[in-house]
Amino acid sequence: MTDLTDERRQILLEAIQDFNDTLITQSINISGQAFNNAMRLGCGILAIPLVIVLAVTYFARGLDLSGVFVFSCAALAGALVFAAFVSNRAKFLAVQEKYQQDVSPDIVRFLNENEFTRAQFDLLADDVLADNAPLRQYLVRSEAGVASSPDEISPE
């Protein structure tokens, strides 16, 4: 088996970083938009019960303003939890869609043009990417027959 030269390893490293950065950019854009939209929706939906409680408080004098404050804080916390959940789900789906539609075909094209194997790509990416990198979830990890380092795999 032939080792990857430093130059070929650097080319592969740069490509891995570029593909991962593409997924990070997509996740940031979509999750920010989703959080804002979900927060607006959550606050809009929770504004109706808040107005009702304020009206009951005003007309019945059964609930003091401290109760309204507590209810408002609870409603805001609920809106934040809802927005965080929607944002996280949107981020996951956006990264998945971006990978399937753009990044995966680009990886295949890059590997073919530069005569790398998917195993070389995946081993090196697994070695250099952070644990929470979005590209990491799409790496193929083989249990049997995998070399101990990406440099030990020859192009097919």
C-alpha atoms as a PDB file:
ATOM      1  CA  MET A   1       0.000   0.000   0.000  1.00  0.00           C
ATOM      2  CA  THR A   2       1.191   3.477  -0.723  1.00  0.00           C
ATOM      3  CA  ASP A   3       1.020   6.282   1.794  1.00  0.00           C
ATOM      4  CA  LEU A   4      -0.586   9.624   1.151  1.00  0.00           C
ATOM      5  CA  THR A   5       2.013  12.238   0.454  1.00  0.00           C
ATOM      6  CA  ASP A   6       1.957  15.386   2.539  1.00  0.00           C
ATOM      7  CA  GLU A   7       0.647  17.308  -0.461  1.00  0.00           C
ATOM      8  CA  ARG A   8      -2.212  14.867  -1.117  1.00  0.00           C
ATOM      9  CA  ARG A   9      -3.029  14.729   2.599  1.00  0.00           C
ATOM     10  CA  GLN A  10      -3.215  18.544   2.669  1.00  0.00           C
ATOM     11  CA  ILE A  11      -5.533  18.569  -0.356  1.00  0.00           C
ATOM     12  CA  LEU A  12      -7.793  16.075   1.377  1.00  0.00           C
ATOM     13  CA  LEU A  13      -7.688  18.011   4.671  1.00  0.00           C
ATOM     14  CA  GLU A  14      -8.697  21.243   2.945  1.00  0.00           C
ATOM     15  CA  ALA A  15     -11.572  19.523   1.176  1.00  0.00           C
ATOM     16  CA  ILE A  16     -12.811  17.961   4.423  1.00  0.00           C
ATOM     17  CA  GLN A  17     -12.748  21.362   6.113  1.00  0.00           C
ATOM     18  CA  ASP A  18     -14.558  23.010   3.184  1.00  0.00           C
ATOM     19  CA  PHE A  19     -17.319  20.386   3.152  1.00  0.00           C
ATOM     20  CA  ASN A  20     -17.741  20.654   6.919  1.00  0.00           C
ATOM     21  CA  ASP A  21     -17.784  24.480   6.752  1.00  0.00           C
ATOM     22  CA  THR A  22     -20.543  24.299   4.136  1.00  0.00           C
ATOM     23  CA  LEU A  23     -22.677  22.255   6.524  1.00  0.00           C
ATOM     24  CA  ILE A  24     -21.884  24.557   9.461  1.00  0.00           C
ATOM     25  CA  THR A  25     -22.900  27.640   7.464  1.00  0.00           C
ATOM     26  CA  GLN A  26     -26.173  26.011   6.445  1.00  0.00           C
ATOM     27  CA  SER A  27     -26.949  24.972  10.014  1.00  0.00           C
ATOM     28  CA  ILE A  28     -26.244  28.439  11.398  1.00  0.00           C
ATOM     29  CA  ASN A  29     -28.400  30.177   8.795  1.00  0.00           C
ATOM     30  CA  ILE A  30     -31.355  27.834   9.136  1.00  0.00           C
ATOM     31  CA  SER A  31     -31.299  27.446  12.923  1.00  0.00           C
ATOM     32  CA  GLY A  32     -31.194  31.225  13.429  1.00  0.00           C
ATOM     33  CA  GLN A  33     -34.138  31.763  11.114  1.00  0.00           C
ATOM     34  CA  ALA A  34     -36.056  28.878  12.689  1.00  0.00           C
ATOM     35  CA  PHE A  35     -35.438  30.195  16.214  1.00  0.00           C
ATOM     36  CA  ASN A  36     -36.691  33.665  15.291  1.00  0.00           C
ATOM     37  CA  ASN A  37     -39.786  32.317  13.563  1.00  0.00           C
ATOM     38  CA  ALA A  38     -40.554  29.858  16.363  1.00  0.00           C
ATOM     39  CA  MET A  39     -40.090  32.576  18.986  1.00  0.00           C
ATOM     40  CA  ARG A  40     -42.525  34.828  17.132  1.00  0.00           C
ATOM     41  CA  LEU A  41     -45.007  31.987  16.826  1.00  0.00           C
ATOM     42  CA  GLY A  42     -44.576  30.921  20.455  1.00  0.00           C
ATOM     43  CA  CYS A  43     -44.950  34.462  21.756  1.00  0.00           C
ATOM     44  CA  GLY A  44     -47.900  35.080  19.454  1.00  0.00           C
ATOM     45  CA  ILE A  45     -49.690  31.972  20.638  1.00  0.00           C
ATOM     46  CA  LEU A  46     -48.893  32.671  24.283  1.00  0.00           C
ATOM     47  CA  ALA A  47     -50.000  36.303  23.987  1.00  0.00           C
ATOM     48  CA  ILE A  48     -53.635  35.214  23.718  1.00  0.00           C
ATOM     49  CA  PRO A  49     -53.757  33.451  27.119  1.00  0.00           C
ATOM     50  CA  LEU A  50     -51.773  36.315  28.639  1.00  0.00           C
ATOM     51  CA  VAL A  51     -54.330  38.850  27.399  1.00  0.00           C
ATOM     52  CA  ILE A  52     -57.119  36.677  28.801  1.00  0.00           C
ATOM     53  CA  VAL A  53     -55.413  36.502  32.221  1.00  0.00           C
ATOM     54  CA  LEU A  54     -54.883  40.261  32.189  1.00  0.00           C
ATOM     55  CA  ALA A  55     -58.554  40.804  31.332  1.00  0.00           C
ATOM     56  CA  VAL A  56     -59.702  38.465  34.115  1.00  0.00           C
ATOM     57  CA  THR A  57     -57.351  40.214  36.535  1.00  0.00           C
ATOM     58  CA  TYR A  58     -58.633  43.630  35.526  1.00  0.00           C
ATOM     59  CA  PHE A  59     -62.342  42.756  35.735  1.00  0.00           C
ATOM     60  CA  ALA A  60     -62.464  40.226  38.576  1.00  0.00           C
ATOM     61  CA  ARG A  61     -59.616  41.442  40.752  1.00  0.00           C
ATOM     62  CA  GLY A  62     -59.031  37.751  41.541  1.00  0.00           C
ATOM     63  CA  LEU A  63     -55.403  37.691  40.508  1.00  0.00           C
ATOM     64  CA  ASP A  64     -52.870  40.279  41.480  1.00  0.00           C
ATOM     65  CA  LEU A  65     -50.079  41.599  39.274  1.00  0.00           C
ATOM     66  CA  SER A  66     -47.507  39.254  40.814  1.00  0.00           C
ATOM     67  CA  GLY A  67     -49.571  36.330  39.472  1.00  0.00           C
ATOM     68  CA  VAL A  68     -49.635  37.943  36.038  1.00  0.00           C
ATOM     69  CA  PHE A  69     -45.862  38.379  36.241  1.00  0.00           C
ATOM     70  CA  VAL A  70     -45.326  34.720  37.157  1.00  0.00           C
ATOM     71  CA  PHE A  71     -47.660  33.610  34.371  1.00  0.00           C
ATOM     72  CA  SER A  72     -45.831  35.876  31.901  1.00  0.00           C
ATOM     73  CA  CYS A  73     -42.435  34.463  32.904  1.00  0.00           C
ATOM     74  CA  ALA A  74     -43.722  30.896  32.584  1.00  0.00           C
ATOM     75  CA  ALA A  75     -45.166  31.693  29.160  1.00  0.00           C
ATOM     76  CA  LEU A  76     -41.876  33.218  28.032  1.00  0.00           C
ATOM     77  CA  ALA A  77     -39.947  30.166  29.277  1.00  0.00           C
ATOM     78  CA  GLY A  78     -42.360  27.939  27.359  1.00  0.00           C
ATOM     79  CA  ALA A  79     -41.848  30.013  24.222  1.00  0.00           C
ATOM     80  CA  LEU A  80     -38.058  29.738  24.587  1.00  0.00           C
ATOM     81  CA  VAL A  81     -38.205  25.955  25.013  1.00  0.00           C
ATOM     82  CA  PHE A  82     -40.491  25.659  21.990  1.00  0.00           C
ATOM     83  CA  ALA A  83     -38.229  27.895  19.891  1.00  0.00           C
ATOM     84  CA  ALA A  84     -35.097  25.968  20.909  1.00  0.00           C
ATOM     85  CA  PHE A  85     -36.727  22.656  20.015  1.00  0.00           C
ATOM     86  CA  VAL A  86     -37.922  23.899  16.627  1.00  0.00           C
ATOM     87  CA  SER A  87     -34.545  25.503  15.924  1.00  0.00           C
ATOM     88  CA  ASN A  88     -32.640  22.322  16.749  1.00  0.00           C
ATOM     89  CA  ARG A  89     -34.949  20.200  14.597  1.00  0.00           C
ATOM     90  CA  ALA A  90     -34.722  22.652  11.684  1.00  0.00           C
ATOM     91  CA  LYS A  91     -30.928  22.676  11.991  1.00  0.00           C
ATOM     92  CA  PHE A  92     -30.781  18.875  11.830  1.00  0.00           C
ATOM     93  CA  LEU A  93     -33.089  18.702   8.807  1.00  0.00           C
ATOM     94  CA  ALA A  94     -31.281  21.526   6.991  1.00  0.00           C
ATOM     95  CA  VAL A  95     -27.883  19.883   7.428  1.00  0.00           C
ATOM     96  CA  GLN A  96     -29.284  16.545   6.315  1.00  0.00           C
ATOM     97  CA  GLU A  97     -30.859  18.064   3.203  1.00  0.00           C
ATOM     98  CA  LYS A  98     -27.752  20.107   2.360  1.00  0.00           C
ATOM     99  CA  TYR A  99     -25.574  17.025   2.695  1.00  0.00           C
ATOM    100  CA  GLN A 100     -27.803  14.874   0.503  1.00  0.00           C
ATOM    101  CA  GLN A 101     -28.398  17.470  -2.206  1.00  0.00           C
ATOM    102  CA  ASP A 102     -25.063  19.278  -2.417  1.00  0.00           C
ATOM    103  CA  VAL A 103     -22.245  18.038  -0.227  1.00  0.00           C
ATOM    104  CA  SER A 104     -22.459  14.290  -0.873  1.00  0.00           C
ATOM    105  CA  PRO A 105     -22.351  14.675  -4.678  1.00  0.00           C
ATOM    106  CA  ASP A 106     -19.526  17.215  -4.289  1.00  0.00           C
ATOM    107  CA  ILE A 107     -17.554  14.763  -2.148  1.00  0.00           C
ATOM    108  CA  VAL A 108     -18.001  11.999  -4.711  1.00  0.00           C
ATOM    109  CA  ARG A 109     -16.945  14.347  -7.514  1.00  0.00           C
ATOM    110  CA  PHE A 110     -13.916  15.561  -5.535  1.00  0.00           C
ATOM    111  CA  LEU A 111     -12.820  12.008  -4.711  1.00  0.00           C
ATOM    112  CA  ASN A 112     -13.116  10.910  -8.341  1.00  0.00           C
ATOM    113  CA  GLU A 113     -11.287  13.957  -9.713  1.00  0.00           C
ATOM    114  CA  ASN A 114      -8.416  13.616  -7.238  1.00  0.00           C
ATOM    115  CA  GLU A 115      -8.274   9.812  -7.157  1.00  0.00           C
ATOM    116  CA  PHE A 116      -8.948   9.434  -3.450  1.00  0.00           C
ATOM    117  CA  THR A 117     -11.066   6.668  -1.981  1.00  0.00           C
ATOM    118  CA  ARG A 118     -14.036   7.195   0.290  1.00  0.00           C
ATOM    119  CA  ALA A 119     -12.192   5.212   2.949  1.00  0.00           C
ATOM    120  CA  GLN A 120      -9.274   7.671   2.848  1.00  0.00           C
ATOM    121  CA  PHE A 121     -11.676  10.576   3.098  1.00  0.00           C
ATOM    122  CA  ASP A 122     -13.662   9.069   5.966  1.00  0.00           C
ATOM    123  CA  LEU A 123     -10.645   7.969   7.993  1.00  0.00           C
ATOM    124  CA  LEU A 124      -8.912  11.317   7.721  1.00  0.00           C
ATOM    125  CA  ALA A 125     -12.151  13.206   8.424  1.00  0.00           C
ATOM    126  CA  ASP A 126     -12.810  11.017  11.457  1.00  0.00           C
ATOM    127  CA  ASP A 127      -9.300  11.789  12.651  1.00  0.00           C
ATOM    128  CA  VAL A 128      -9.378  15.590  12.206  1.00  0.00           C
ATOM    129  CA  LEU A 129     -13.002  16.693  12.705  1.00  0.00           C
ATOM    130  CA  ALA A 130     -14.324  17.744  16.086  1.00  0.00           C
ATOM    131  CA  ASP A 131     -16.793  15.418  17.777  1.00  0.00           C
ATOM    132  CA  ASN A 132     -19.685  17.799  17.093  1.00  0.00           C
ATOM    133  CA  ALA A 133     -18.775  18.538  13.451  1.00  0.00           C
ATOM    134  CA  PRO A 134     -21.823  18.112  11.208  1.00  0.00           C
ATOM    135  CA  LEU A 135     -19.894  16.185   8.555  1.00  0.00           C
ATOM    136  CA  ARG A 136     -18.904  13.566  11.134  1.00  0.00           C
ATOM    137  CA  GLN A 137     -22.385  12.020  11.200  1.00  0.00           C
ATOM    138  CA  TYR A 138     -22.091  11.107   7.506  1.00  0.00           C
ATOM    139  CA  LEU A 139     -18.754   9.330   7.711  1.00  0.00           C
ATOM    140  CA  VAL A 140     -18.711   5.631   6.940  1.00  0.00           C
ATOM    141  CA  ARG A 141     -16.931   3.690   9.651  1.00  0.00           C
ATOM    142  CA  SER A 142     -16.043   0.105   8.871  1.00  0.00           C
ATOM    143  CA  GLU A 143     -15.333  -2.260  11.752  1.00  0.00           C
ATOM    144  CA  ALA A 144     -13.264  -4.811   9.815  1.00  0.00           C
ATOM    145  CA  GLY A 145     -10.357  -4.259   7.499  1.00  0.00           C
ATOM    146  CA  VAL A 146      -9.739  -0.608   8.240  1.00  0.00           C
ATOM    147  CA  ALA A 147      -6.171   0.582   8.411  1.00  0.00           C
ATOM    148  CA  SER A 148      -5.062   2.190  11.605  1.00  0.00           C
ATOM    149  CA  SER A 149      -4.378   5.529   9.931  1.00  0.00           C
ATOM    150  CA  PRO A 150      -5.617   7.310   6.796  1.00  0.00           C
ATOM    151  CA  ASP A 151      -2.078   7.382   5.387  1.00  0.00           C
ATOM    152  CA  GLU A 152      -1.972   3.606   5.164  1.00  0.00           C
ATOM    153  CA  ILE A 153      -4.818   3.347   2.644  1.00  0.00           C
ATOM    154  CA  SER A 154      -3.966   3.420  -1.009  1.00  0.00           C
ATOM    155  CA  PRO A 155      -6.239   4.868  -3.692  1.00  0.00           C
ATOM    156  CA  GLU A 156      -8.208   2.256  -5.618  1.00  0.00           C
END
